[in-house]
């Protein structure tokens, strides 16, 4: 993991954006897997700003949803679907044929996970995966546990996930999550890892010990050969 120490959130977002733009210049046909939440919002705004200046650079970009709150309608303002549409898909005019997505409220969640696995087998691996880290060290909905699941799966949500920024205005808390698994994330050609946010000082310190543990899913990123970690020093 290559650590880039950033003075603040703005610099972190800009450096991550510059890295993604550089990759698009080398290979426009990228499969990008964005994460949700507050950590990547600045990055997405900067990508959209760049799109406004150089839209042709994004003409072949494909996007795959990383996870979703189970049981929420896709149109729910708190769904990951709405988050991605609002912050990336619509501002950058990504058409449906260049977007792979979990159904947020499937009749059979296990079948939906299998469908996504098949899509990734056909169109993957991920070129760039954007990850943040939860206060408990989770990646997506890969929660701390005695074991981690390699492929797309139904996730039991931790109290930490259920208390995140996206759930604060939910009228009904989701019963489960749908998420890409650890193997899918770790098979990405490149990972952009954003470390920022209040209350993460202790878990960041734990991560920097470089001890690999299923109880700290983010620690598995030390095993990946191409991780750019952008650390917002103002979070420490």
C-alpha atoms as a PDB file:
ATOM      1  CA  UNK A   1       0.000   0.000   0.000  1.00  0.00           C
ATOM      2  CA  UNK A   2       1.369   3.375  -1.025  1.00  0.00           C
ATOM      3  CA  UNK A   3       0.408   6.039   1.522  1.00  0.00           C
ATOM      4  CA  UNK A   4      -0.136   9.597   0.278  1.00  0.00           C
ATOM      5  CA  UNK A   5      -0.331  11.978   3.221  1.00  0.00           C
ATOM      6  CA  UNK A   6      -2.736  14.797   2.424  1.00  0.00           C
ATOM      7  CA  UNK A   7      -3.018  18.031   4.395  1.00  0.00           C
ATOM      8  CA  UNK A   8      -6.819  18.027   4.327  1.00  0.00           C
ATOM      9  CA  UNK A   9      -9.952  16.588   2.732  1.00  0.00           C
ATOM     10  CA  UNK A  10      -9.662  18.871  -0.317  1.00  0.00           C
ATOM     11  CA  UNK A  11      -6.131  17.745  -1.126  1.00  0.00           C
ATOM     12  CA  UNK A  12      -7.073  14.088  -0.575  1.00  0.00           C
ATOM     13  CA  UNK A  13     -10.005  14.421  -3.004  1.00  0.00           C
ATOM     14  CA  UNK A  14      -7.890  16.221  -5.612  1.00  0.00           C
ATOM     15  CA  UNK A  15      -5.033  13.716  -5.494  1.00  0.00           C
ATOM     16  CA  UNK A  16      -7.420  10.785  -5.829  1.00  0.00           C
ATOM     17  CA  UNK A  17      -9.167  12.511  -8.735  1.00  0.00           C
ATOM     18  CA  UNK A  18      -5.843  13.133 -10.486  1.00  0.00           C
ATOM     19  CA  UNK A  19      -4.963   9.437 -10.176  1.00  0.00           C
ATOM     20  CA  UNK A  20      -8.249   8.326 -11.728  1.00  0.00           C
ATOM     21  CA  UNK A  21      -7.965  10.863 -14.563  1.00  0.00           C
ATOM     22  CA  UNK A  22      -4.435   9.632 -15.306  1.00  0.00           C
ATOM     23  CA  UNK A  23      -5.755   6.069 -15.540  1.00  0.00           C
ATOM     24  CA  UNK A  24      -8.560   7.124 -17.885  1.00  0.00           C
ATOM     25  CA  UNK A  25      -6.025   8.790 -20.167  1.00  0.00           C
ATOM     26  CA  UNK A  26      -4.099   5.519 -20.414  1.00  0.00           C
ATOM     27  CA  UNK A  27      -7.179   3.318 -20.728  1.00  0.00           C
ATOM     28  CA  UNK A  28     -10.578   5.007 -21.258  1.00  0.00           C
ATOM     29  CA  UNK A  29     -12.459   1.702 -21.090  1.00  0.00           C
ATOM     30  CA  UNK A  30     -12.277   1.396 -17.302  1.00  0.00           C
ATOM     31  CA  UNK A  31     -14.635  -0.495 -15.005  1.00  0.00           C
ATOM     32  CA  UNK A  32     -14.922   1.748 -11.952  1.00  0.00           C
ATOM     33  CA  UNK A  33     -16.380   0.545  -8.656  1.00  0.00           C
ATOM     34  CA  UNK A  34     -17.248   3.543  -6.450  1.00  0.00           C
ATOM     35  CA  UNK A  35     -18.050   3.428  -2.765  1.00  0.00           C
ATOM     36  CA  UNK A  36     -20.777   5.370  -0.963  1.00  0.00           C
ATOM     37  CA  UNK A  37     -20.787   7.779   1.971  1.00  0.00           C
ATOM     38  CA  UNK A  38     -19.136  11.053   2.912  1.00  0.00           C
ATOM     39  CA  UNK A  39     -15.481  10.071   2.303  1.00  0.00           C
ATOM     40  CA  UNK A  40     -15.598  10.032  -1.530  1.00  0.00           C
ATOM     41  CA  UNK A  41     -18.017  12.950  -2.040  1.00  0.00           C
ATOM     42  CA  UNK A  42     -15.228  15.460  -2.686  1.00  0.00           C
ATOM     43  CA  UNK A  43     -13.607  13.085  -5.170  1.00  0.00           C
ATOM     44  CA  UNK A  44     -16.865  12.639  -7.071  1.00  0.00           C
ATOM     45  CA  UNK A  45     -17.430  16.397  -7.261  1.00  0.00           C
ATOM     46  CA  UNK A  46     -13.959  16.836  -8.725  1.00  0.00           C
ATOM     47  CA  UNK A  47     -14.541  14.047 -11.259  1.00  0.00           C
ATOM     48  CA  UNK A  48     -17.784  15.714 -12.328  1.00  0.00           C
ATOM     49  CA  UNK A  49     -15.982  19.058 -12.620  1.00  0.00           C
ATOM     50  CA  UNK A  50     -13.388  17.413 -14.867  1.00  0.00           C
ATOM     51  CA  UNK A  51     -16.157  15.790 -16.913  1.00  0.00           C
ATOM     52  CA  UNK A  52     -17.567  19.257 -17.629  1.00  0.00           C
ATOM     53  CA  UNK A  53     -14.200  20.269 -19.102  1.00  0.00           C
ATOM     54  CA  UNK A  54     -13.331  17.022 -20.923  1.00  0.00           C
ATOM     55  CA  UNK A  55     -16.439  14.878 -21.290  1.00  0.00           C
ATOM     56  CA  UNK A  56     -14.981  12.719 -24.083  1.00  0.00           C
ATOM     57  CA  UNK A  57     -12.520  11.217 -21.602  1.00  0.00           C
ATOM     58  CA  UNK A  58     -15.461   9.504 -19.876  1.00  0.00           C
ATOM     59  CA  UNK A  59     -17.166   8.143 -23.001  1.00  0.00           C
ATOM     60  CA  UNK A  60     -16.165   4.529 -22.320  1.00  0.00           C
ATOM     61  CA  UNK A  61     -16.199   4.557 -18.517  1.00  0.00           C
ATOM     62  CA  UNK A  62     -18.316   1.807 -16.958  1.00  0.00           C
ATOM     63  CA  UNK A  63     -19.526   1.835 -13.359  1.00  0.00           C
ATOM     64  CA  UNK A  64     -20.483  -1.025 -11.069  1.00  0.00           C
ATOM     65  CA  UNK A  65     -22.299  -0.576  -7.778  1.00  0.00           C
ATOM     66  CA  UNK A  66     -20.262  -1.808  -4.824  1.00  0.00           C
ATOM     67  CA  UNK A  67     -23.093  -2.451  -2.379  1.00  0.00           C
ATOM     68  CA  UNK A  68     -26.679  -1.650  -1.502  1.00  0.00           C
ATOM     69  CA  UNK A  69     -28.987  -1.455   1.484  1.00  0.00           C
ATOM     70  CA  UNK A  70     -31.224  -4.522   1.284  1.00  0.00           C
ATOM     71  CA  UNK A  71     -34.964  -3.936   1.120  1.00  0.00           C
ATOM     72  CA  UNK A  72     -34.852  -0.243   0.175  1.00  0.00           C
ATOM     73  CA  UNK A  73     -36.539   0.894  -2.992  1.00  0.00           C
ATOM     74  CA  UNK A  74     -34.061   1.982  -5.662  1.00  0.00           C
ATOM     75  CA  UNK A  75     -35.808   5.376  -5.660  1.00  0.00           C
ATOM     76  CA  UNK A  76     -35.402   5.800  -1.897  1.00  0.00           C
ATOM     77  CA  UNK A  77     -33.343   8.967  -1.293  1.00  0.00           C
ATOM     78  CA  UNK A  78     -31.093   6.962   1.055  1.00  0.00           C
ATOM     79  CA  UNK A  79     -30.360   4.096  -1.331  1.00  0.00           C
ATOM     80  CA  UNK A  80     -26.920   3.590  -2.833  1.00  0.00           C
ATOM     81  CA  UNK A  81     -28.681   3.673  -6.205  1.00  0.00           C
ATOM     82  CA  UNK A  82     -29.882   7.226  -5.592  1.00  0.00           C
ATOM     83  CA  UNK A  83     -26.467   8.200  -4.203  1.00  0.00           C
ATOM     84  CA  UNK A  84     -24.664   7.026  -7.343  1.00  0.00           C
ATOM     85  CA  UNK A  85     -27.228   8.493  -9.722  1.00  0.00           C
ATOM     86  CA  UNK A  86     -27.077  11.863  -7.975  1.00  0.00           C
ATOM     87  CA  UNK A  87     -23.304  12.090  -7.599  1.00  0.00           C
ATOM     88  CA  UNK A  88     -21.905  10.253 -10.636  1.00  0.00           C
ATOM     89  CA  UNK A  89     -24.253   8.638 -13.141  1.00  0.00           C
ATOM     90  CA  UNK A  90     -26.476  11.583 -14.024  1.00  0.00           C
ATOM     91  CA  UNK A  91     -23.842  14.365 -13.786  1.00  0.00           C
ATOM     92  CA  UNK A  92     -21.511  12.366 -16.065  1.00  0.00           C
ATOM     93  CA  UNK A  93     -24.289  11.048 -18.340  1.00  0.00           C
ATOM     94  CA  UNK A  94     -23.413   7.379 -17.788  1.00  0.00           C
ATOM     95  CA  UNK A  95     -26.073   5.392 -19.699  1.00  0.00           C
ATOM     96  CA  UNK A  96     -27.706   2.246 -18.351  1.00  0.00           C
ATOM     97  CA  UNK A  97     -25.671   0.005 -20.662  1.00  0.00           C
ATOM     98  CA  UNK A  98     -22.499   1.167 -18.910  1.00  0.00           C
ATOM     99  CA  UNK A  99     -23.832   0.604 -15.392  1.00  0.00           C
ATOM    100  CA  UNK A 100     -23.974  -2.678 -13.438  1.00  0.00           C
ATOM    101  CA  UNK A 101     -26.146  -2.611 -10.355  1.00  0.00           C
ATOM    102  CA  UNK A 102     -27.611  -4.679  -7.567  1.00  0.00           C
ATOM    103  CA  UNK A 103     -31.400  -4.614  -7.420  1.00  0.00           C
ATOM    104  CA  UNK A 104     -31.967  -2.950  -4.048  1.00  0.00           C
ATOM    105  CA  UNK A 105     -35.083  -4.941  -3.223  1.00  0.00           C
ATOM    106  CA  UNK A 106     -34.816  -8.302  -4.986  1.00  0.00           C
ATOM    107  CA  UNK A 107     -37.328 -11.112  -4.640  1.00  0.00           C
ATOM    108  CA  UNK A 108     -34.411 -13.504  -4.104  1.00  0.00           C
ATOM    109  CA  UNK A 109     -31.329 -11.755  -2.694  1.00  0.00           C
ATOM    110  CA  UNK A 110     -29.087 -14.807  -3.121  1.00  0.00           C
ATOM    111  CA  UNK A 111     -29.980 -15.055  -6.825  1.00  0.00           C
ATOM    112  CA  UNK A 112     -29.252 -11.364  -7.180  1.00  0.00           C
ATOM    113  CA  UNK A 113     -25.777 -11.875  -5.700  1.00  0.00           C
ATOM    114  CA  UNK A 114     -25.174 -14.785  -8.084  1.00  0.00           C
ATOM    115  CA  UNK A 115     -26.256 -12.603 -11.018  1.00  0.00           C
ATOM    116  CA  UNK A 116     -23.761  -9.911 -10.024  1.00  0.00           C
ATOM    117  CA  UNK A 117     -21.005 -12.513  -9.687  1.00  0.00           C
ATOM    118  CA  UNK A 118     -21.763 -13.702 -13.208  1.00  0.00           C
ATOM    119  CA  UNK A 119     -21.678 -10.118 -14.514  1.00  0.00           C
ATOM    120  CA  UNK A 120     -18.250  -9.606 -12.930  1.00  0.00           C
ATOM    121  CA  UNK A 121     -16.978 -12.888 -14.358  1.00  0.00           C
ATOM    122  CA  UNK A 122     -18.027 -11.685 -17.813  1.00  0.00           C
ATOM    123  CA  UNK A 123     -17.041  -8.006 -17.621  1.00  0.00           C
ATOM    124  CA  UNK A 124     -14.453  -7.833 -14.841  1.00  0.00           C
ATOM    125  CA  UNK A 125     -12.173  -7.717 -13.070  1.00  0.00           C
ATOM    126  CA  UNK A 126     -12.594  -4.229 -11.659  1.00  0.00           C
ATOM    127  CA  UNK A 127     -10.086  -1.755 -13.051  1.00  0.00           C
ATOM    128  CA  UNK A 128     -10.384   0.819 -10.274  1.00  0.00           C
ATOM    129  CA  UNK A 129     -12.092   0.239  -6.954  1.00  0.00           C
ATOM    130  CA  UNK A 130     -12.714   3.227  -4.684  1.00  0.00           C
ATOM    131  CA  UNK A 131     -12.859   2.274  -1.024  1.00  0.00           C
ATOM    132  CA  UNK A 132     -13.408   4.040   2.256  1.00  0.00           C
ATOM    133  CA  UNK A 133     -13.091   2.529   5.706  1.00  0.00           C
ATOM    134  CA  UNK A 134     -15.834   2.434   8.295  1.00  0.00           C
ATOM    135  CA  UNK A 135     -15.173   3.189  11.944  1.00  0.00           C
ATOM    136  CA  UNK A 136     -15.043  -0.557  12.579  1.00  0.00           C
ATOM    137  CA  UNK A 137     -12.687  -1.192   9.643  1.00  0.00           C
ATOM    138  CA  UNK A 138     -15.284  -2.509   7.212  1.00  0.00           C
ATOM    139  CA  UNK A 139     -15.009  -2.272   3.419  1.00  0.00           C
ATOM    140  CA  UNK A 140     -18.364  -1.918   1.714  1.00  0.00           C
ATOM    141  CA  UNK A 141     -20.561  -4.232   3.750  1.00  0.00           C
ATOM    142  CA  UNK A 142     -17.722  -6.662   4.398  1.00  0.00           C
ATOM    143  CA  UNK A 143     -18.035  -6.416   8.163  1.00  0.00           C
ATOM    144  CA  UNK A 144     -15.576  -7.528  10.870  1.00  0.00           C
ATOM    145  CA  UNK A 145     -16.140 -11.207  11.594  1.00  0.00           C
ATOM    146  CA  UNK A 146     -14.436 -14.531  12.276  1.00  0.00           C
ATOM    147  CA  UNK A 147     -14.473 -15.088   8.525  1.00  0.00           C
ATOM    148  CA  UNK A 148     -14.892 -12.965   5.385  1.00  0.00           C
ATOM    149  CA  UNK A 149     -16.861 -13.895   2.267  1.00  0.00           C
ATOM    150  CA  UNK A 150     -15.021 -13.842  -1.082  1.00  0.00           C
ATOM    151  CA  UNK A 151     -17.879 -13.224  -3.510  1.00  0.00           C
ATOM    152  CA  UNK A 152     -21.060 -11.147  -3.703  1.00  0.00           C
ATOM    153  CA  UNK A 153     -23.194 -11.944  -0.709  1.00  0.00           C
ATOM    154  CA  UNK A 154     -25.970 -10.992   1.677  1.00  0.00           C
ATOM    155  CA  UNK A 155     -24.353  -9.164   4.574  1.00  0.00           C
ATOM    156  CA  UNK A 156     -25.522  -8.909   8.144  1.00  0.00           C
ATOM    157  CA  UNK A 157     -25.121  -5.231   8.901  1.00  0.00           C
ATOM    158  CA  UNK A 158     -23.120  -4.172  11.934  1.00  0.00           C
ATOM    159  CA  UNK A 159     -24.357  -1.512  14.389  1.00  0.00           C
ATOM    160  CA  UNK A 160     -21.602   0.727  12.975  1.00  0.00           C
ATOM    161  CA  UNK A 161     -23.033   0.469   9.452  1.00  0.00           C
ATOM    162  CA  UNK A 162     -26.550   1.047  10.737  1.00  0.00           C
ATOM    163  CA  UNK A 163     -25.402   4.235  12.452  1.00  0.00           C
ATOM    164  CA  UNK A 164     -23.635   5.696   9.397  1.00  0.00           C
ATOM    165  CA  UNK A 165     -24.356   9.017   7.706  1.00  0.00           C
ATOM    166  CA  UNK A 166     -26.659   7.489   5.082  1.00  0.00           C
ATOM    167  CA  UNK A 167     -28.954   5.851   7.647  1.00  0.00           C
ATOM    168  CA  UNK A 168     -29.618   8.948   9.768  1.00  0.00           C
ATOM    169  CA  UNK A 169     -32.659  10.006   7.761  1.00  0.00           C
ATOM    170  CA  UNK A 170     -33.993   6.521   6.984  1.00  0.00           C
ATOM    171  CA  UNK A 171     -37.523   5.983   8.243  1.00  0.00           C
ATOM    172  CA  UNK A 172     -36.895   2.220   8.342  1.00  0.00           C
ATOM    173  CA  UNK A 173     -33.484   0.662   8.873  1.00  0.00           C
ATOM    174  CA  UNK A 174     -32.490  -1.974   6.269  1.00  0.00           C
ATOM    175  CA  UNK A 175     -32.532  -5.628   7.303  1.00  0.00           C
ATOM    176  CA  UNK A 176     -29.394  -6.608   5.407  1.00  0.00           C
ATOM    177  CA  UNK A 177     -26.867  -5.454   2.861  1.00  0.00           C
ATOM    178  CA  UNK A 178     -25.850  -6.664  -0.590  1.00  0.00           C
ATOM    179  CA  UNK A 179     -22.154  -6.316  -1.289  1.00  0.00           C
ATOM    180  CA  UNK A 180     -19.273  -7.324  -3.499  1.00  0.00           C
ATOM    181  CA  UNK A 181     -17.064  -9.710  -1.535  1.00  0.00           C
ATOM    182  CA  UNK A 182     -13.475  -9.401  -0.436  1.00  0.00           C
ATOM    183  CA  UNK A 183     -12.022 -11.459  -3.290  1.00  0.00           C
ATOM    184  CA  UNK A 184     -13.824  -9.318  -5.861  1.00  0.00           C
ATOM    185  CA  UNK A 185     -12.460  -6.139  -4.262  1.00  0.00           C
ATOM    186  CA  UNK A 186      -8.935  -7.511  -3.905  1.00  0.00           C
ATOM    187  CA  UNK A 187      -8.862  -8.677  -7.530  1.00  0.00           C
ATOM    188  CA  UNK A 188      -9.203  -5.046  -8.650  1.00  0.00           C
ATOM    189  CA  UNK A 189      -6.298  -3.904 -10.794  1.00  0.00           C
ATOM    190  CA  UNK A 190      -5.988  -0.744  -8.703  1.00  0.00           C
ATOM    191  CA  UNK A 191      -7.545   0.438  -5.463  1.00  0.00           C
ATOM    192  CA  UNK A 192      -8.081   4.058  -4.427  1.00  0.00           C
ATOM    193  CA  UNK A 193      -8.380   3.991  -0.636  1.00  0.00           C
ATOM    194  CA  UNK A 194      -9.664   7.117   1.108  1.00  0.00           C
ATOM    195  CA  UNK A 195      -8.951   7.510   4.821  1.00  0.00           C
ATOM    196  CA  UNK A 196     -10.885  10.423   6.260  1.00  0.00           C
ATOM    197  CA  UNK A 197     -13.714  11.224   8.632  1.00  0.00           C
ATOM    198  CA  UNK A 198     -14.413  11.954  12.255  1.00  0.00           C
ATOM    199  CA  UNK A 199     -13.926   9.244  14.848  1.00  0.00           C
ATOM    200  CA  UNK A 200     -11.527   7.127  12.776  1.00  0.00           C
ATOM    201  CA  UNK A 201      -8.240   8.015  14.474  1.00  0.00           C
ATOM    202  CA  UNK A 202      -8.065   4.776  16.470  1.00  0.00           C
ATOM    203  CA  UNK A 203      -9.004   2.459  13.594  1.00  0.00           C
ATOM    204  CA  UNK A 204      -6.532   4.216  11.271  1.00  0.00           C
ATOM    205  CA  UNK A 205      -3.805   3.717  13.877  1.00  0.00           C
ATOM    206  CA  UNK A 206      -4.748   0.040  14.108  1.00  0.00           C
ATOM    207  CA  UNK A 207      -4.642  -0.293  10.328  1.00  0.00           C
ATOM    208  CA  UNK A 208      -1.165   1.202  10.214  1.00  0.00           C
ATOM    209  CA  UNK A 209       0.120  -1.628  12.422  1.00  0.00           C
ATOM    210  CA  UNK A 210      -0.057  -3.782   9.253  1.00  0.00           C
ATOM    211  CA  UNK A 211      -1.564  -6.745  11.108  1.00  0.00           C
ATOM    212  CA  UNK A 212      -3.968  -8.684   8.875  1.00  0.00           C
ATOM    213  CA  UNK A 213      -7.190  -9.669  10.605  1.00  0.00           C
ATOM    214  CA  UNK A 214     -10.719 -10.598   9.553  1.00  0.00           C
ATOM    215  CA  UNK A 215     -11.828  -8.346  12.398  1.00  0.00           C
ATOM    216  CA  UNK A 216     -10.329  -5.438  10.440  1.00  0.00           C
ATOM    217  CA  UNK A 217     -11.304  -6.122   6.812  1.00  0.00           C
ATOM    218  CA  UNK A 218      -9.436  -3.042   5.569  1.00  0.00           C
ATOM    219  CA  UNK A 219      -6.180  -4.634   6.756  1.00  0.00           C
ATOM    220  CA  UNK A 220      -6.357  -7.042   3.803  1.00  0.00           C
ATOM    221  CA  UNK A 221      -5.479  -4.124   1.541  1.00  0.00           C
ATOM    222  CA  UNK A 222      -1.883  -4.547   2.724  1.00  0.00           C
ATOM    223  CA  UNK A 223      -1.863  -7.737   0.622  1.00  0.00           C
ATOM    224  CA  UNK A 224      -2.801  -5.960  -2.609  1.00  0.00           C
ATOM    225  CA  UNK A 225       0.051  -4.901  -4.931  1.00  0.00           C
ATOM    226  CA  UNK A 226      -1.501  -1.655  -6.182  1.00  0.00           C
ATOM    227  CA  UNK A 227      -3.283   0.379  -3.492  1.00  0.00           C
ATOM    228  CA  UNK A 228      -3.078   4.171  -3.440  1.00  0.00           C
ATOM    229  CA  UNK A 229      -4.087   5.214   0.058  1.00  0.00           C
ATOM    230  CA  UNK A 230      -4.914   8.909   0.454  1.00  0.00           C
ATOM    231  CA  UNK A 231      -4.782   9.795   4.142  1.00  0.00           C
ATOM    232  CA  UNK A 232      -6.430  13.025   5.253  1.00  0.00           C
ATOM    233  CA  UNK A 233      -4.118  14.115   8.075  1.00  0.00           C
ATOM    234  CA  UNK A 234      -6.821  16.382   9.507  1.00  0.00           C
ATOM    235  CA  UNK A 235      -8.693  13.218  10.539  1.00  0.00           C
ATOM    236  CA  UNK A 236      -5.875  12.146  12.851  1.00  0.00           C
END
